[in-house]
Amino acid sequence: MKDYATNPEPLIITPNGEAKMVVMDIAEYERQQETFALLKWVPLGQKELAQRRVSDMDAFFAEMDQQP
C-alpha cells in the first residue's frame, strides 16, 4: 500500500497468470466513470447528425434566448 501511494498506477491482480482484478486510485476511477458516461452521448449525437436533426449555433442560441 505504501508503494501505491508513491506510484498510483493501476495494479492488475493476476492469479495463475490471468488478469482477474484491477486496483486503482478512487479519483482516477471516478474520472474514468465520468468519461464513460460522456462517451455514451457520442452515438446519440451521431444519430441526430445523420438524421439532420441539427441547428446552427446562432439559431439555437436565439431559440434559447426566447425561453422563459
N, C-alpha and C. Protein backbone atom coordinates (compact mmCIF):
# COMPACT_ATOMS: atom_id res chain seq x y z
N MET A 1 0.83 -1.19 0.00
CA MET A 1 0.00 0.00 0.00
C MET A 1 0.87 1.26 0.00
N LYS A 2 1.98 1.23 0.74
CA LYS A 2 2.87 2.38 0.77
C LYS A 2 3.46 2.66 -0.61
N ASP A 3 3.83 1.60 -1.33
CA ASP A 3 4.35 1.79 -2.68
C ASP A 3 3.29 2.40 -3.60
N TYR A 4 2.05 2.01 -3.42
CA TYR A 4 0.96 2.53 -4.25
C TYR A 4 0.78 4.03 -4.06
N ALA A 5 1.00 4.52 -2.85
CA ALA A 5 0.85 5.95 -2.57
C ALA A 5 1.85 6.79 -3.36
N THR A 6 3.02 6.25 -3.64
CA THR A 6 4.03 7.00 -4.39
C THR A 6 3.94 6.72 -5.88
N ASN A 7 3.31 5.64 -6.29
CA ASN A 7 3.15 5.29 -7.70
C ASN A 7 1.73 4.78 -7.92
N PRO A 8 0.76 5.71 -8.09
CA PRO A 8 -0.66 5.30 -8.15
C PRO A 8 -1.12 4.73 -9.49
N GLU A 9 -0.26 3.99 -10.17
CA GLU A 9 -0.68 3.32 -11.40
C GLU A 9 -1.63 2.18 -11.04
N PRO A 10 -2.60 1.88 -11.90
CA PRO A 10 -3.48 0.75 -11.61
C PRO A 10 -2.68 -0.53 -11.40
N LEU A 11 -3.10 -1.31 -10.46
CA LEU A 11 -2.45 -2.57 -10.12
C LEU A 11 -3.34 -3.70 -10.63
N ILE A 12 -2.80 -4.52 -11.52
CA ILE A 12 -3.56 -5.64 -12.10
C ILE A 12 -3.21 -6.90 -11.32
N ILE A 13 -4.22 -7.54 -10.77
CA ILE A 13 -4.03 -8.75 -9.98
C ILE A 13 -4.24 -9.94 -10.92
N THR A 14 -3.22 -10.78 -10.99
CA THR A 14 -3.24 -11.88 -11.96
C THR A 14 -2.96 -13.23 -11.29
N PRO A 15 -3.96 -13.83 -10.67
CA PRO A 15 -3.73 -15.18 -10.15
C PRO A 15 -3.57 -16.17 -11.31
N ASN A 16 -2.58 -17.01 -11.21
CA ASN A 16 -2.30 -18.01 -12.26
C ASN A 16 -2.05 -17.39 -13.63
N GLY A 17 -1.52 -16.15 -13.65
CA GLY A 17 -1.16 -15.50 -14.91
C GLY A 17 -2.32 -14.92 -15.69
N GLU A 18 -3.53 -14.93 -15.14
CA GLU A 18 -4.70 -14.40 -15.83
C GLU A 18 -5.24 -13.19 -15.08
N ALA A 19 -5.39 -12.06 -15.77
CA ALA A 19 -5.89 -10.84 -15.13
C ALA A 19 -7.30 -11.07 -14.62
N LYS A 20 -7.52 -10.79 -13.33
CA LYS A 20 -8.82 -11.01 -12.71
C LYS A 20 -9.38 -9.75 -12.05
N MET A 21 -8.50 -8.83 -11.65
CA MET A 21 -8.97 -7.67 -10.90
C MET A 21 -7.98 -6.52 -11.09
N VAL A 22 -8.51 -5.29 -10.97
CA VAL A 22 -7.68 -4.10 -11.04
C VAL A 22 -7.93 -3.26 -9.80
N VAL A 23 -6.87 -2.81 -9.16
CA VAL A 23 -6.97 -1.89 -8.03
C VAL A 23 -6.45 -0.55 -8.54
N MET A 24 -7.28 0.50 -8.35
CA MET A 24 -6.86 1.81 -8.84
C MET A 24 -7.28 2.90 -7.87
N ASP A 25 -6.63 4.04 -8.02
CA ASP A 25 -6.93 5.22 -7.22
C ASP A 25 -8.39 5.62 -7.42
N ILE A 26 -9.10 5.97 -6.35
CA ILE A 26 -10.53 6.29 -6.45
C ILE A 26 -10.78 7.52 -7.31
N ALA A 27 -9.91 8.51 -7.24
CA ALA A 27 -10.09 9.71 -8.06
C ALA A 27 -9.99 9.35 -9.55
N GLU A 28 -9.05 8.50 -9.89
CA GLU A 28 -8.90 8.06 -11.28
C GLU A 28 -10.11 7.24 -11.71
N TYR A 29 -10.60 6.39 -10.83
CA TYR A 29 -11.79 5.60 -11.12
C TYR A 29 -12.99 6.52 -11.41
N GLU A 30 -13.17 7.54 -10.59
CA GLU A 30 -14.29 8.47 -10.79
C GLU A 30 -14.15 9.23 -12.10
N ARG A 31 -12.93 9.67 -12.43
CA ARG A 31 -12.70 10.34 -13.72
C ARG A 31 -13.05 9.41 -14.87
N GLN A 32 -12.65 8.16 -14.74
CA GLN A 32 -12.92 7.17 -15.77
C GLN A 32 -14.43 6.96 -15.94
N GLN A 33 -15.16 6.89 -14.84
CA GLN A 33 -16.61 6.71 -14.91
C GLN A 33 -17.28 7.91 -15.57
N GLU A 34 -16.82 9.13 -15.27
CA GLU A 34 -17.36 10.33 -15.91
C GLU A 34 -17.10 10.30 -17.41
N THR A 35 -15.91 9.86 -17.80
CA THR A 35 -15.58 9.77 -19.22
C THR A 35 -16.49 8.77 -19.91
N PHE A 36 -16.70 7.60 -19.31
CA PHE A 36 -17.59 6.60 -19.89
C PHE A 36 -19.01 7.14 -20.04
N ALA A 37 -19.48 7.88 -19.05
CA ALA A 37 -20.83 8.46 -19.11
C ALA A 37 -20.94 9.44 -20.28
N LEU A 38 -19.91 10.26 -20.47
CA LEU A 38 -19.93 11.21 -21.59
C LEU A 38 -19.86 10.51 -22.93
N LEU A 39 -19.09 9.44 -23.01
CA LEU A 39 -18.96 8.72 -24.27
C LEU A 39 -20.26 8.09 -24.72
N LYS A 40 -21.18 7.84 -23.81
CA LYS A 40 -22.47 7.27 -24.18
C LYS A 40 -23.28 8.25 -25.03
N TRP A 41 -22.97 9.55 -24.96
CA TRP A 41 -23.70 10.55 -25.73
C TRP A 41 -23.24 10.62 -27.18
N VAL A 42 -22.05 10.12 -27.48
CA VAL A 42 -21.50 10.23 -28.83
C VAL A 42 -22.39 9.55 -29.87
N PRO A 43 -22.82 8.30 -29.68
CA PRO A 43 -23.68 7.68 -30.70
C PRO A 43 -25.00 8.43 -30.89
N LEU A 44 -25.54 8.99 -29.82
CA LEU A 44 -26.78 9.76 -29.95
C LEU A 44 -26.56 10.98 -30.85
N GLY A 45 -25.47 11.67 -30.63
CA GLY A 45 -25.14 12.83 -31.46
C GLY A 45 -24.92 12.44 -32.91
N GLN A 46 -24.25 11.32 -33.12
CA GLN A 46 -24.02 10.85 -34.49
C GLN A 46 -25.33 10.50 -35.17
N LYS A 47 -26.24 9.89 -34.44
CA LYS A 47 -27.55 9.53 -35.00
C LYS A 47 -28.33 10.79 -35.38
N GLU A 48 -28.34 11.78 -34.50
CA GLU A 48 -29.05 13.02 -34.79
C GLU A 48 -28.42 13.74 -35.98
N LEU A 49 -27.11 13.71 -36.08
CA LEU A 49 -26.44 14.33 -37.22
C LEU A 49 -26.82 13.61 -38.51
N ALA A 50 -26.84 12.29 -38.49
CA ALA A 50 -27.21 11.51 -39.67
C ALA A 50 -28.65 11.79 -40.09
N GLN A 51 -29.53 12.05 -39.11
CA GLN A 51 -30.93 12.35 -39.40
C GLN A 51 -31.15 13.84 -39.69
N ARG A 52 -30.07 14.57 -39.72
CA ARG A 52 -30.11 16.03 -39.96
C ARG A 52 -30.95 16.76 -38.92
N ARG A 53 -30.95 16.24 -37.69
CA ARG A 53 -31.66 16.89 -36.59
C ARG A 53 -30.70 17.82 -35.85
N VAL A 54 -30.21 18.80 -36.60
CA VAL A 54 -29.25 19.76 -36.05
C VAL A 54 -29.72 21.16 -36.38
N SER A 55 -29.20 22.13 -35.65
CA SER A 55 -29.49 23.53 -35.99
C SER A 55 -28.18 24.30 -35.87
N ASP A 56 -28.12 25.41 -36.57
CA ASP A 56 -26.88 26.15 -36.48
C ASP A 56 -26.82 26.90 -35.15
N MET A 57 -25.66 27.26 -34.75
CA MET A 57 -25.42 27.81 -33.42
C MET A 57 -26.23 29.09 -33.17
N ASP A 58 -26.26 29.99 -34.14
CA ASP A 58 -27.00 31.25 -33.95
C ASP A 58 -28.49 31.00 -33.75
N ALA A 59 -29.06 30.07 -34.52
CA ALA A 59 -30.48 29.75 -34.38
C ALA A 59 -30.74 29.11 -33.03
N PHE A 60 -29.85 28.24 -32.59
CA PHE A 60 -30.00 27.58 -31.30
C PHE A 60 -30.02 28.60 -30.16
N PHE A 61 -29.04 29.52 -30.15
CA PHE A 61 -28.98 30.49 -29.07
C PHE A 61 -30.13 31.50 -29.14
N ALA A 62 -30.58 31.82 -30.33
CA ALA A 62 -31.74 32.70 -30.46
C ALA A 62 -32.97 32.03 -29.85
N GLU A 63 -33.13 30.75 -30.10
CA GLU A 63 -34.26 29.99 -29.53
C GLU A 63 -34.14 29.93 -28.00
N MET A 64 -32.94 29.72 -27.50
CA MET A 64 -32.74 29.65 -26.04
C MET A 64 -33.02 31.00 -25.40
N ASP A 65 -32.69 32.08 -26.07
CA ASP A 65 -32.96 33.42 -25.53
C ASP A 65 -34.46 33.69 -25.42
N GLN A 66 -35.27 33.02 -26.22
CA GLN A 66 -36.70 33.22 -26.18
C GLN A 66 -37.38 32.42 -25.09
N GLN A 67 -36.67 31.46 -24.49
CA GLN A 67 -37.23 30.63 -23.43
C GLN A 67 -37.39 31.46 -22.15
N PRO A 68 -38.51 31.23 -21.41
CA PRO A 68 -38.71 31.99 -20.16
C PRO A 68 -37.71 31.64 -19.08
